[in-house]
Amino acid sequence: MSQTMTAAVLPRFGGPEVFEIRQVPVPPLGPRQLRVRVRATALNPLDGQIRRGDYADLLPLPAIIGHDVSGVVEAVGAEIVEFTPGDEVWYTPKIFGGPGSYAELQVADAEIVARKPAKLSHREAASLPLVGGTVWEAFVTRAQLQAGETVLVHAGAGGVGSVAIQLAKAIGARVLTTARARHHAFVAELGADAAIDHTQQDYVEAVMGLTDGRGVDVLLDTIGGDALSRSPFALAPFGRVVSIVDIAQPQNLLEAWGRNATYHFLFTRQNRAKLDGLAALVERGLVKPVIGATLPLEQITQAHELMENGSAHGLRGKIVIDVTP
């Protein structure tokens, strides 16, 4: 008899209510793979986009989605030597590469798995792999942010922004961020040097005022729309923009030409090196998880509803899902 596990299954595309809790077969284990008992996972905007059907061509249904794992190795493939059962690990499952993390068990290629920082609980660790890996790639690999430079992080109180502020400060940058006024004390605690209430003030004018008219060296776009289309006006000469948001409409970035700007459009890829780099900062206390809410797997629908409406009610950081005790 094949082994089964509990999972939140996406049988069709639609709203948060489409998820079904089911018993499904455990995925087979390849020679260079690990089977991990998922202790906790977390929600990301990508999950909502997939659920709605934005990537329908890439995801055969029914499907198990989810892109953060913190858990314990239960079994290893025949060629695995770097991990053994009982090891605590964290990672982002391969995006569009098979079943995700909304399940009791997850099978992953060893190359994308890293050892969980010992000082973090599974809930804390689950909040970081995708956003942390994305921010690491944005600042370290793509923009090559340097100590002494100035960076603008859009939506600093959100799941990505809250990690981005901390990583930029760890690098030694001056950090500006957009956030509603009620979040200004919070982003300051994370390390932001200045916060701009984008609902009350034009962010480009604010950036120019805070930089004596020079602009920022690096801009991280986490929300798209106006944040991306007006980004050239906030840049210093030779500035760099990293956007993690799909471009729904054509953008006129002519102003970027005059600034010799560089644009990076980032759909993050998984690897162990990024997680190891992030773990080193976590162990030194330079990056800390920010968890806004925790729910059980059986309440995945409520969790997705909270993700879509939480910012209007002041939710900060990530929504974490307890999967197995």
C-alpha atoms as a PDB file:
ATOM      1  CA  MET A   1       0.000   0.000   0.000  1.00  0.00           C
ATOM      2  CA  SER A   2       1.363   3.426  -0.963  1.00  0.00           C
ATOM      3  CA  GLN A   3       1.987   5.968   1.766  1.00  0.00           C
ATOM      4  CA  THR A   4      -0.320   8.978   1.923  1.00  0.00           C
ATOM      5  CA  MET A   5      -0.118  12.443   3.448  1.00  0.00           C
ATOM      6  CA  THR A   6      -2.413  15.342   4.217  1.00  0.00           C
ATOM      7  CA  ALA A   7      -2.173  18.237   1.785  1.00  0.00           C
ATOM      8  CA  ALA A   8      -4.031  21.380   0.763  1.00  0.00           C
ATOM      9  CA  VAL A   9      -4.863  20.692  -2.874  1.00  0.00           C
ATOM     10  CA  LEU A  10      -5.706  23.221  -5.562  1.00  0.00           C
ATOM     11  CA  PRO A  11      -8.298  21.436  -7.744  1.00  0.00           C
ATOM     12  CA  ARG A  12      -9.137  24.500  -9.856  1.00  0.00           C
ATOM     13  CA  PHE A  13      -8.143  28.140 -10.161  1.00  0.00           C
ATOM     14  CA  GLY A  14     -10.086  30.798  -8.302  1.00  0.00           C
ATOM     15  CA  GLY A  15     -10.462  32.501  -4.943  1.00  0.00           C
ATOM     16  CA  PRO A  16      -9.197  31.380  -1.521  1.00  0.00           C
ATOM     17  CA  GLU A  17     -12.166  29.018  -1.142  1.00  0.00           C
ATOM     18  CA  VAL A  18     -10.954  26.618  -3.879  1.00  0.00           C
ATOM     19  CA  PHE A  19      -8.500  24.722  -1.644  1.00  0.00           C
ATOM     20  CA  GLU A  20      -9.435  21.212  -0.488  1.00  0.00           C
ATOM     21  CA  ILE A  21      -7.754  19.280   2.346  1.00  0.00           C
ATOM     22  CA  ARG A  22      -7.118  15.790   0.976  1.00  0.00           C
ATOM     23  CA  GLN A  23      -5.154  12.599   1.541  1.00  0.00           C
ATOM     24  CA  VAL A  24      -2.745  12.241  -1.395  1.00  0.00           C
ATOM     25  CA  PRO A  25       0.131   9.886  -2.284  1.00  0.00           C
ATOM     26  CA  VAL A  26       3.592  10.777  -1.012  1.00  0.00           C
ATOM     27  CA  PRO A  27       5.867  11.687  -3.971  1.00  0.00           C
ATOM     28  CA  PRO A  28       8.532   9.104  -4.876  1.00  0.00           C
ATOM     29  CA  LEU A  29      12.116   9.718  -3.758  1.00  0.00           C
ATOM     30  CA  GLY A  30      14.883  10.028  -6.364  1.00  0.00           C
ATOM     31  CA  PRO A  31      18.571   9.185  -5.791  1.00  0.00           C
ATOM     32  CA  ARG A  32      19.577  12.854  -5.274  1.00  0.00           C
ATOM     33  CA  GLN A  33      16.483  13.893  -3.338  1.00  0.00           C
ATOM     34  CA  LEU A  34      15.323  14.288   0.258  1.00  0.00           C
ATOM     35  CA  ARG A  35      11.906  13.582   1.710  1.00  0.00           C
ATOM     36  CA  VAL A  36      11.200  16.244   4.337  1.00  0.00           C
ATOM     37  CA  ARG A  37       8.483  16.312   6.969  1.00  0.00           C
ATOM     38  CA  VAL A  38       7.212  19.866   6.724  1.00  0.00           C
ATOM     39  CA  ARG A  39       6.886  21.489  10.138  1.00  0.00           C
ATOM     40  CA  ALA A  40       5.888  24.895   8.800  1.00  0.00           C
ATOM     41  CA  THR A  41       5.411  26.758   5.551  1.00  0.00           C
ATOM     42  CA  ALA A  42       4.491  30.349   4.698  1.00  0.00           C
ATOM     43  CA  LEU A  43       2.390  32.289   2.221  1.00  0.00           C
ATOM     44  CA  ASN A  44       3.776  34.486  -0.544  1.00  0.00           C
ATOM     45  CA  PRO A  45       2.075  36.743  -3.100  1.00  0.00           C
ATOM     46  CA  LEU A  46       3.195  34.226  -5.725  1.00  0.00           C
ATOM     47  CA  ASP A  47       0.878  31.675  -4.095  1.00  0.00           C
ATOM     48  CA  GLY A  48      -2.108  33.940  -4.642  1.00  0.00           C
ATOM     49  CA  GLN A  49      -1.136  34.592  -8.252  1.00  0.00           C
ATOM     50  CA  ILE A  50      -0.844  30.864  -8.937  1.00  0.00           C
ATOM     51  CA  ARG A  51      -4.138  30.143  -7.184  1.00  0.00           C
ATOM     52  CA  ARG A  52      -5.934  32.734  -9.314  1.00  0.00           C
ATOM     53  CA  GLY A  53      -4.617  31.151 -12.503  1.00  0.00           C
ATOM     54  CA  ASP A  54      -2.011  33.729 -13.529  1.00  0.00           C
ATOM     55  CA  TYR A  55       0.370  30.883 -14.445  1.00  0.00           C
ATOM     56  CA  ALA A  56      -2.213  28.341 -15.593  1.00  0.00           C
ATOM     57  CA  ASP A  57      -0.048  27.166 -18.495  1.00  0.00           C
ATOM     58  CA  LEU A  58       2.738  26.181 -16.091  1.00  0.00           C
ATOM     59  CA  LEU A  59       0.700  24.303 -13.486  1.00  0.00           C
ATOM     60  CA  PRO A  60      -1.264  21.117 -14.279  1.00  0.00           C
ATOM     61  CA  LEU A  61      -4.210  20.608 -11.932  1.00  0.00           C
ATOM     62  CA  PRO A  62      -4.873  19.319  -9.357  1.00  0.00           C
ATOM     63  CA  ALA A  63      -1.764  20.728  -7.718  1.00  0.00           C
ATOM     64  CA  ILE A  64      -0.092  21.303  -4.359  1.00  0.00           C
ATOM     65  CA  ILE A  65       1.469  24.769  -4.211  1.00  0.00           C
ATOM     66  CA  GLY A  66       3.577  26.551  -1.579  1.00  0.00           C
ATOM     67  CA  HIS A  67       7.122  27.878  -1.668  1.00  0.00           C
ATOM     68  CA  ASP A  68       8.641  27.765   1.825  1.00  0.00           C
ATOM     69  CA  VAL A  69       9.698  24.741   3.867  1.00  0.00           C
ATOM     70  CA  SER A  70      11.132  24.371   7.321  1.00  0.00           C
ATOM     71  CA  GLY A  71      11.200  20.780   8.444  1.00  0.00           C
ATOM     72  CA  VAL A  72      13.037  17.603   9.285  1.00  0.00           C
ATOM     73  CA  VAL A  73      14.623  15.152   6.849  1.00  0.00           C
ATOM     74  CA  GLU A  74      12.692  11.885   6.967  1.00  0.00           C
ATOM     75  CA  ALA A  75      14.468   9.927   4.211  1.00  0.00           C
ATOM     76  CA  VAL A  76      17.318  10.433   1.743  1.00  0.00           C
ATOM     77  CA  GLY A  77      17.980   9.125  -1.745  1.00  0.00           C
ATOM     78  CA  ALA A  78      20.631   6.527  -2.470  1.00  0.00           C
ATOM     79  CA  GLU A  79      23.241   9.101  -3.577  1.00  0.00           C
ATOM     80  CA  ILE A  80      22.805  11.579  -0.709  1.00  0.00           C
ATOM     81  CA  VAL A  81      25.783  11.950   1.633  1.00  0.00           C
ATOM     82  CA  GLU A  82      25.402  15.555   2.870  1.00  0.00           C
ATOM     83  CA  PHE A  83      22.141  14.993   4.783  1.00  0.00           C
ATOM     84  CA  THR A  84      20.820  12.271   7.070  1.00  0.00           C
ATOM     85  CA  PRO A  85      17.367  11.593   8.562  1.00  0.00           C
ATOM     86  CA  GLY A  86      16.731  13.909  11.494  1.00  0.00           C
ATOM     87  CA  ASP A  87      18.532  16.925  10.013  1.00  0.00           C
ATOM     88  CA  GLU A  88      16.588  20.188  10.287  1.00  0.00           C
ATOM     89  CA  VAL A  89      16.455  21.970   6.927  1.00  0.00           C
ATOM     90  CA  TRP A  90      14.892  24.941   5.139  1.00  0.00           C
ATOM     91  CA  TYR A  91      14.409  25.744   1.468  1.00  0.00           C
ATOM     92  CA  THR A  92      12.105  26.909  -1.307  1.00  0.00           C
ATOM     93  CA  PRO A  93      10.713  24.019  -3.376  1.00  0.00           C
ATOM     94  CA  LYS A  94      11.428  24.289  -7.080  1.00  0.00           C
ATOM     95  CA  ILE A  95       8.877  26.743  -8.469  1.00  0.00           C
ATOM     96  CA  PHE A  96       6.650  25.040 -11.072  1.00  0.00           C
ATOM     97  CA  GLY A  97       8.854  21.968 -10.671  1.00  0.00           C
ATOM     98  CA  GLY A  98       6.480  19.659  -8.777  1.00  0.00           C
ATOM     99  CA  PRO A  99       4.408  19.572  -5.580  1.00  0.00           C
ATOM    100  CA  GLY A 100       4.959  22.442  -3.173  1.00  0.00           C
ATOM    101  CA  SER A 101       4.928  22.910   0.584  1.00  0.00           C
ATOM    102  CA  TYR A 102       1.227  22.897   1.538  1.00  0.00           C
ATOM    103  CA  ALA A 103       1.607  19.281   2.623  1.00  0.00           C
ATOM    104  CA  GLU A 104       2.917  17.088   5.447  1.00  0.00           C
ATOM    105  CA  LEU A 105       5.774  15.784   3.298  1.00  0.00           C
ATOM    106  CA  GLN A 106       7.784  17.377   0.493  1.00  0.00           C
ATOM    107  CA  VAL A 107      10.411  15.876  -1.815  1.00  0.00           C
ATOM    108  CA  ALA A 108      13.215  18.176  -2.969  1.00  0.00           C
ATOM    109  CA  ASP A 109      16.477  18.014  -4.880  1.00  0.00           C
ATOM    110  CA  ALA A 110      19.359  18.115  -2.410  1.00  0.00           C
ATOM    111  CA  GLU A 111      21.028  21.015  -4.230  1.00  0.00           C
ATOM    112  CA  ILE A 112      18.325  23.499  -3.162  1.00  0.00           C
ATOM    113  CA  VAL A 113      18.156  22.385   0.484  1.00  0.00           C
ATOM    114  CA  ALA A 114      20.183  23.977   3.299  1.00  0.00           C
ATOM    115  CA  ARG A 115      20.533  23.438   7.028  1.00  0.00           C
ATOM    116  CA  LYS A 116      18.086  25.502   9.065  1.00  0.00           C
ATOM    117  CA  PRO A 117      19.618  28.183  11.310  1.00  0.00           C
ATOM    118  CA  ALA A 118      19.725  26.627  14.770  1.00  0.00           C
ATOM    119  CA  LYS A 119      18.495  29.772  16.524  1.00  0.00           C
ATOM    120  CA  LEU A 120      15.208  29.836  14.572  1.00  0.00           C
ATOM    121  CA  SER A 121      12.073  27.850  15.302  1.00  0.00           C
ATOM    122  CA  HIS A 122      10.440  26.092  12.370  1.00  0.00           C
ATOM    123  CA  ARG A 123       7.782  28.797  12.216  1.00  0.00           C
ATOM    124  CA  GLU A 124      10.424  31.510  12.078  1.00  0.00           C
ATOM    125  CA  ALA A 125      12.533  29.653   9.534  1.00  0.00           C
ATOM    126  CA  ALA A 126       9.551  28.977   7.269  1.00  0.00           C
ATOM    127  CA  SER A 127       8.954  32.713   6.890  1.00  0.00           C
ATOM    128  CA  LEU A 128      12.314  33.359   5.217  1.00  0.00           C
ATOM    129  CA  PRO A 129      13.426  31.040   2.359  1.00  0.00           C
ATOM    130  CA  LEU A 130      11.592  32.549  -0.616  1.00  0.00           C
ATOM    131  CA  VAL A 131      11.646  36.186   0.476  1.00  0.00           C
ATOM    132  CA  GLY A 132      15.168  35.915   1.880  1.00  0.00           C
ATOM    133  CA  GLY A 133      16.494  34.168  -1.200  1.00  0.00           C
ATOM    134  CA  THR A 134      14.790  36.727  -3.430  1.00  0.00           C
ATOM    135  CA  VAL A 135      16.211  39.694  -1.540  1.00  0.00           C
ATOM    136  CA  TRP A 136      19.670  38.115  -1.433  1.00  0.00           C
ATOM    137  CA  GLU A 137      19.609  37.671  -5.207  1.00  0.00           C
ATOM    138  CA  ALA A 138      18.254  41.193  -5.682  1.00  0.00           C
ATOM    139  CA  PHE A 139      20.852  42.997  -3.600  1.00  0.00           C
ATOM    140  CA  VAL A 140      23.904  40.738  -3.640  1.00  0.00           C
ATOM    141  CA  THR A 141      23.788  39.049  -7.049  1.00  0.00           C
ATOM    142  CA  ARG A 142      21.926  41.498  -9.289  1.00  0.00           C
ATOM    143  CA  ALA A 143      22.289  45.052  -7.926  1.00  0.00           C
ATOM    144  CA  GLN A 144      25.601  44.325  -6.137  1.00  0.00           C
ATOM    145  CA  LEU A 145      24.662  46.775  -3.401  1.00  0.00           C
ATOM    146  CA  GLN A 146      27.707  48.234  -1.640  1.00  0.00           C
ATOM    147  CA  ALA A 147      28.294  49.671   1.828  1.00  0.00           C
ATOM    148  CA  GLY A 148      27.706  53.409   1.806  1.00  0.00           C
ATOM    149  CA  GLU A 149      25.185  53.367  -1.026  1.00  0.00           C
ATOM    150  CA  THR A 150      21.544  54.411  -0.623  1.00  0.00           C
ATOM    151  CA  VAL A 151      18.662  52.049  -1.382  1.00  0.00           C
ATOM    152  CA  LEU A 152      14.914  52.565  -1.612  1.00  0.00           C
ATOM    153  CA  VAL A 153      12.792  49.586  -0.545  1.00  0.00           C
ATOM    154  CA  HIS A 154       9.148  49.794  -1.548  1.00  0.00           C
ATOM    155  CA  ALA A 155       6.570  48.444   0.948  1.00  0.00           C
ATOM    156  CA  GLY A 156       9.023  48.067   3.792  1.00  0.00           C
ATOM    157  CA  ALA A 157       6.455  46.658   6.239  1.00  0.00           C
ATOM    158  CA  GLY A 158       5.576  43.736   3.970  1.00  0.00           C
ATOM    159  CA  GLY A 159       6.996  40.227   3.836  1.00  0.00           C
ATOM    160  CA  VAL A 160       9.701  41.028   1.269  1.00  0.00           C
ATOM    161  CA  GLY A 161      10.317  44.602   2.347  1.00  0.00           C
ATOM    162  CA  SER A 162      10.873  43.762   6.012  1.00  0.00           C
ATOM    163  CA  VAL A 163      13.680  41.358   5.064  1.00  0.00           C
ATOM    164  CA  ALA A 164      15.067  43.720   2.417  1.00  0.00           C
ATOM    165  CA  ILE A 165      15.523  46.523   4.952  1.00  0.00           C
ATOM    166  CA  GLN A 166      17.475  44.227   7.262  1.00  0.00           C
ATOM    167  CA  LEU A 167      19.686  42.791   4.531  1.00  0.00           C
ATOM    168  CA  ALA A 168      20.484  46.211   3.097  1.00  0.00           C
ATOM    169  CA  LYS A 169      21.482  47.439   6.565  1.00  0.00           C
ATOM    170  CA  ALA A 170      23.626  44.333   7.079  1.00  0.00           C
ATOM    171  CA  ILE A 171      25.459  45.224   3.856  1.00  0.00           C
ATOM    172  CA  GLY A 172      26.035  48.737   5.198  1.00  0.00           C
ATOM    173  CA  ALA A 173      23.663  50.754   3.021  1.00  0.00           C
ATOM    174  CA  ARG A 174      21.524  53.734   3.928  1.00  0.00           C
ATOM    175  CA  VAL A 175      17.911  52.530   3.678  1.00  0.00           C
ATOM    176  CA  LEU A 176      14.871  54.556   2.653  1.00  0.00           C
ATOM    177  CA  THR A 177      11.496  52.842   2.487  1.00  0.00           C
ATOM    178  CA  THR A 178       7.875  53.526   1.612  1.00  0.00           C
ATOM    179  CA  ALA A 179       5.328  52.589   4.268  1.00  0.00           C
ATOM    180  CA  ARG A 180       2.103  53.942   5.694  1.00  0.00           C
ATOM    181  CA  ALA A 181       2.558  56.267   8.671  1.00  0.00           C
ATOM    182  CA  ARG A 182       1.325  53.637  11.142  1.00  0.00           C
ATOM    183  CA  HIS A 183       4.260  51.413  10.121  1.00  0.00           C
ATOM    184  CA  HIS A 184       7.027  54.015  10.423  1.00  0.00           C
ATOM    185  CA  ALA A 185       8.124  53.015  13.929  1.00  0.00           C
ATOM    186  CA  PHE A 186       8.145  49.367  12.848  1.00  0.00           C
ATOM    187  CA  VAL A 187      10.364  49.891   9.786  1.00  0.00           C
ATOM    188  CA  ALA A 188      12.672  52.066  11.875  1.00  0.00           C
ATOM    189  CA  GLU A 189      13.099  49.134  14.276  1.00  0.00           C
ATOM    190  CA  LEU A 190      14.071  46.984  11.297  1.00  0.00           C
ATOM    191  CA  GLY A 191      16.791  49.499  10.415  1.00  0.00           C
ATOM    192  CA  ALA A 192      15.235  51.952   7.962  1.00  0.00           C
ATOM    193  CA  ASP A 193      16.926  55.352   8.105  1.00  0.00           C
ATOM    194  CA  ALA A 194      13.873  57.170   6.731  1.00  0.00           C
ATOM    195  CA  ALA A 195      10.291  56.236   5.876  1.00  0.00           C
ATOM    196  CA  ILE A 196       8.033  57.834   3.269  1.00  0.00           C
ATOM    197  CA  ASP A 197       4.247  57.674   3.593  1.00  0.00           C
ATOM    198  CA  HIS A 198       3.470  57.114  -0.087  1.00  0.00           C
ATOM    199  CA  THR A 199      -0.250  57.747   0.552  1.00  0.00           C
ATOM    200  CA  GLN A 200       0.474  61.318   1.665  1.00  0.00           C
ATOM    201  CA  GLN A 201       3.614  62.284  -0.237  1.00  0.00           C
ATOM    202  CA  ASP A 202       5.032  61.724  -3.713  1.00  0.00           C
ATOM    203  CA  TYR A 203       7.771  59.167  -3.172  1.00  0.00           C
ATOM    204  CA  VAL A 204      10.040  60.578  -5.895  1.00  0.00           C
ATOM    205  CA  GLU A 205       9.929  64.068  -4.369  1.00  0.00           C
ATOM    206  CA  ALA A 206      10.579  62.596  -0.937  1.00  0.00           C
ATOM    207  CA  VAL A 207      13.560  60.582  -2.162  1.00  0.00           C
ATOM    208  CA  MET A 208      15.079  63.640  -3.810  1.00  0.00           C
ATOM    209  CA  GLY A 209      14.612  65.628  -0.640  1.00  0.00           C
ATOM    210  CA  LEU A 210      16.267  62.921   1.466  1.00  0.00           C
ATOM    211  CA  THR A 211      19.228  62.584  -0.920  1.00  0.00           C
ATOM    212  CA  ASP A 212      19.850  66.290  -1.636  1.00  0.00           C
ATOM    213  CA  GLY A 213      18.599  65.810  -5.178  1.00  0.00           C
ATOM    214  CA  ARG A 214      20.927  62.915  -6.049  1.00  0.00           C
ATOM    215  CA  GLY A 215      18.543  59.943  -5.912  1.00  0.00           C
ATOM    216  CA  VAL A 216      19.144  56.393  -4.733  1.00  0.00           C
ATOM    217  CA  ASP A 217      21.746  53.968  -5.983  1.00  0.00           C
ATOM    218  CA  VAL A 218      19.432  50.951  -5.810  1.00  0.00           C
ATOM    219  CA  LEU A 219      15.633  50.686  -5.872  1.00  0.00           C
ATOM    220  CA  LEU A 220      13.802  47.482  -4.962  1.00  0.00           C
ATOM    221  CA  ASP A 221      10.338  47.337  -6.531  1.00  0.00           C
ATOM    222  CA  THR A 222       8.046  44.940  -4.693  1.00  0.00           C
ATOM    223  CA  ILE A 223       4.672  46.284  -5.842  1.00  0.00           C
ATOM    224  CA  GLY A 224       4.870  47.304  -9.520  1.00  0.00           C
ATOM    225  CA  GLY A 225       2.663  49.965 -11.092  1.00  0.00           C
ATOM    226  CA  ASP A 226       3.666  53.493 -10.127  1.00  0.00           C
ATOM    227  CA  ALA A 227       6.585  52.194  -8.055  1.00  0.00           C
ATOM    228  CA  LEU A 228       8.178  50.826 -11.237  1.00  0.00           C
ATOM    229  CA  SER A 229       6.994  53.324 -13.852  1.00  0.00           C
ATOM    230  CA  ARG A 230       8.305  56.323 -11.882  1.00  0.00           C
ATOM    231  CA  SER A 231      11.442  54.582 -10.622  1.00  0.00           C
ATOM    232  CA  PRO A 232      13.839  56.288 -13.079  1.00  0.00           C
ATOM    233  CA  PHE A 233      13.035  59.679 -11.526  1.00  0.00           C
ATOM    234  CA  ALA A 234      14.217  58.437  -8.089  1.00  0.00           C
ATOM    235  CA  LEU A 235      17.557  57.084  -9.308  1.00  0.00           C
ATOM    236  CA  ALA A 236      21.052  58.488  -8.988  1.00  0.00           C
ATOM    237  CA  PRO A 237      23.290  58.336 -12.077  1.00  0.00           C
ATOM    238  CA  PHE A 238      24.137  54.704 -12.873  1.00  0.00           C
ATOM    239  CA  GLY A 239      21.415  53.564 -10.468  1.00  0.00           C
ATOM    240  CA  ARG A 240      20.037  50.022 -10.470  1.00  0.00           C
ATOM    241  CA  VAL A 241      16.443  48.857 -10.209  1.00  0.00           C
ATOM    242  CA  VAL A 242      15.443  45.320  -9.255  1.00  0.00           C
ATOM    243  CA  SER A 243      11.760  44.484  -9.751  1.00  0.00           C
ATOM    244  CA  ILE A 244      10.198  41.255  -8.513  1.00  0.00           C
ATOM    245  CA  VAL A 245       6.760  42.067  -9.958  1.00  0.00           C
ATOM    246  CA  ASP A 246       5.266  41.027 -13.297  1.00  0.00           C
ATOM    247  CA  ILE A 247       4.837  43.900 -15.749  1.00  0.00           C
ATOM    248  CA  ALA A 248       1.130  43.940 -16.613  1.00  0.00           C
ATOM    249  CA  GLN A 249       1.329  47.026 -18.837  1.00  0.00           C
ATOM    250  CA  PRO A 250       4.052  48.433 -21.135  1.00  0.00           C
ATOM    251  CA  GLN A 251       6.402  50.783 -19.281  1.00  0.00           C
ATOM    252  CA  ASN A 252       8.004  53.972 -20.586  1.00  0.00           C
ATOM    253  CA  LEU A 253      11.416  53.968 -18.970  1.00  0.00           C
ATOM    254  CA  LEU A 254      13.007  56.592 -21.240  1.00  0.00           C
ATOM    255  CA  GLU A 255      14.157  58.612 -18.244  1.00  0.00           C
ATOM    256  CA  ALA A 256      16.289  55.626 -17.199  1.00  0.00           C
ATOM    257  CA  TRP A 257      18.392  56.061 -20.355  1.00  0.00           C
ATOM    258  CA  GLY A 258      19.496  59.527 -19.272  1.00  0.00           C
ATOM    259  CA  ARG A 259      20.651  58.129 -15.934  1.00  0.00           C
ATOM    260  CA  ASN A 260      22.529  55.187 -17.441  1.00  0.00           C
ATOM    261  CA  ALA A 261      20.338  53.008 -15.251  1.00  0.00           C
ATOM    262  CA  THR A 262      20.354  49.216 -15.088  1.00  0.00           C
ATOM    263  CA  TYR A 263      17.121  47.241 -14.671  1.00  0.00           C
ATOM    264  CA  HIS A 264      16.874  43.678 -13.373  1.00  0.00           C
ATOM    265  CA  PHE A 265      13.600  41.764 -13.571  1.00  0.00           C
ATOM    266  CA  LEU A 266      13.886  38.974 -11.062  1.00  0.00           C
ATOM    267  CA  PHE A 267      12.150  35.612 -10.889  1.00  0.00           C
ATOM    268  CA  THR A 268      14.282  33.972  -8.241  1.00  0.00           C
ATOM    269  CA  ARG A 269      15.984  30.614  -8.676  1.00  0.00           C
ATOM    270  CA  GLN A 270      16.668  28.222  -5.833  1.00  0.00           C
ATOM    271  CA  ASN A 271      20.113  27.239  -4.589  1.00  0.00           C
ATOM    272  CA  ARG A 272      21.777  26.382  -1.304  1.00  0.00           C
ATOM    273  CA  ALA A 273      24.370  29.179  -1.424  1.00  0.00           C
ATOM    274  CA  LYS A 274      21.796  31.960  -0.992  1.00  0.00           C
ATOM    275  CA  LEU A 275      20.264  30.216   2.008  1.00  0.00           C
ATOM    276  CA  ASP A 276      23.668  29.637   3.593  1.00  0.00           C
ATOM    277  CA  GLY A 277      24.489  33.327   3.176  1.00  0.00           C
ATOM    278  CA  LEU A 278      21.160  34.290   4.696  1.00  0.00           C
ATOM    279  CA  ALA A 279      21.646  31.810   7.554  1.00  0.00           C
ATOM    280  CA  ALA A 280      24.973  33.412   8.456  1.00  0.00           C
ATOM    281  CA  LEU A 281      23.235  36.784   8.852  1.00  0.00           C
ATOM    282  CA  VAL A 282      20.443  35.180  10.878  1.00  0.00           C
ATOM    283  CA  GLU A 283      22.915  33.540  13.250  1.00  0.00           C
ATOM    284  CA  ARG A 284      24.614  36.922  13.776  1.00  0.00           C
ATOM    285  CA  GLY A 285      21.276  38.535  14.576  1.00  0.00           C
ATOM    286  CA  LEU A 286      21.382  40.822  11.526  1.00  0.00           C
ATOM    287  CA  VAL A 287      18.240  39.383   9.910  1.00  0.00           C
ATOM    288  CA  LYS A 288      15.207  38.397  11.982  1.00  0.00           C
ATOM    289  CA  PRO A 289      11.895  36.875  10.860  1.00  0.00           C
ATOM    290  CA  VAL A 290       8.770  39.017  10.943  1.00  0.00           C
ATOM    291  CA  ILE A 291       5.615  36.927  11.408  1.00  0.00           C
ATOM    292  CA  GLY A 292       2.228  38.609  11.202  1.00  0.00           C
ATOM    293  CA  ALA A 293      -0.039  35.589  11.757  1.00  0.00           C
ATOM    294  CA  THR A 294       0.072  31.804  12.175  1.00  0.00           C
ATOM    295  CA  LEU A 295      -2.686  29.388  11.121  1.00  0.00           C
ATOM    296  CA  PRO A 296      -2.981  25.583  10.771  1.00  0.00           C
ATOM    297  CA  LEU A 297      -2.923  23.911   7.343  1.00  0.00           C
ATOM    298  CA  GLU A 298      -6.635  23.157   7.649  1.00  0.00           C
ATOM    299  CA  GLN A 299      -7.266  26.926   7.553  1.00  0.00           C
ATOM    300  CA  ILE A 300      -5.399  27.562   4.301  1.00  0.00           C
ATOM    301  CA  THR A 301      -8.453  29.308   2.844  1.00  0.00           C
ATOM    302  CA  GLN A 302      -8.567  31.753   5.755  1.00  0.00           C
ATOM    303  CA  ALA A 303      -4.813  32.267   5.419  1.00  0.00           C
ATOM    304  CA  HIS A 304      -5.161  33.252   1.754  1.00  0.00           C
ATOM    305  CA  GLU A 305      -8.020  35.598   2.606  1.00  0.00           C
ATOM    306  CA  LEU A 306      -5.808  37.220   5.238  1.00  0.00           C
ATOM    307  CA  MET A 307      -2.937  37.546   2.758  1.00  0.00           C
ATOM    308  CA  GLU A 308      -5.176  39.393   0.311  1.00  0.00           C
ATOM    309  CA  ASN A 309      -6.784  41.700   2.882  1.00  0.00           C
ATOM    310  CA  GLY A 310      -4.279  41.880   5.733  1.00  0.00           C
ATOM    311  CA  SER A 311      -2.395  44.972   4.627  1.00  0.00           C
ATOM    312  CA  ALA A 312      -5.597  47.009   4.894  1.00  0.00           C
ATOM    313  CA  HIS A 313      -5.817  45.959   8.555  1.00  0.00           C
ATOM    314  CA  GLY A 314      -2.180  46.651   9.378  1.00  0.00           C
ATOM    315  CA  LEU A 315      -0.746  43.118   8.990  1.00  0.00           C
ATOM    316  CA  ARG A 316       3.048  43.126   8.966  1.00  0.00           C
ATOM    317  CA  GLY A 317       5.444  40.455   7.779  1.00  0.00           C
ATOM    318  CA  LYS A 318       4.600  36.900   6.770  1.00  0.00           C
ATOM    319  CA  ILE A 319       1.675  34.549   7.292  1.00  0.00           C
ATOM    320  CA  VAL A 320       2.974  31.199   8.537  1.00  0.00           C
ATOM    321  CA  ILE A 321       1.210  27.842   8.325  1.00  0.00           C
ATOM    322  CA  ASP A 322       1.733  25.129  10.949  1.00  0.00           C
ATOM    323  CA  VAL A 323       1.755  21.843   9.052  1.00  0.00           C
ATOM    324  CA  THR A 324       2.870  19.075  11.414  1.00  0.00           C
ATOM    325  CA  PRO A 325       3.611  19.261  15.155  1.00  0.00           C
END
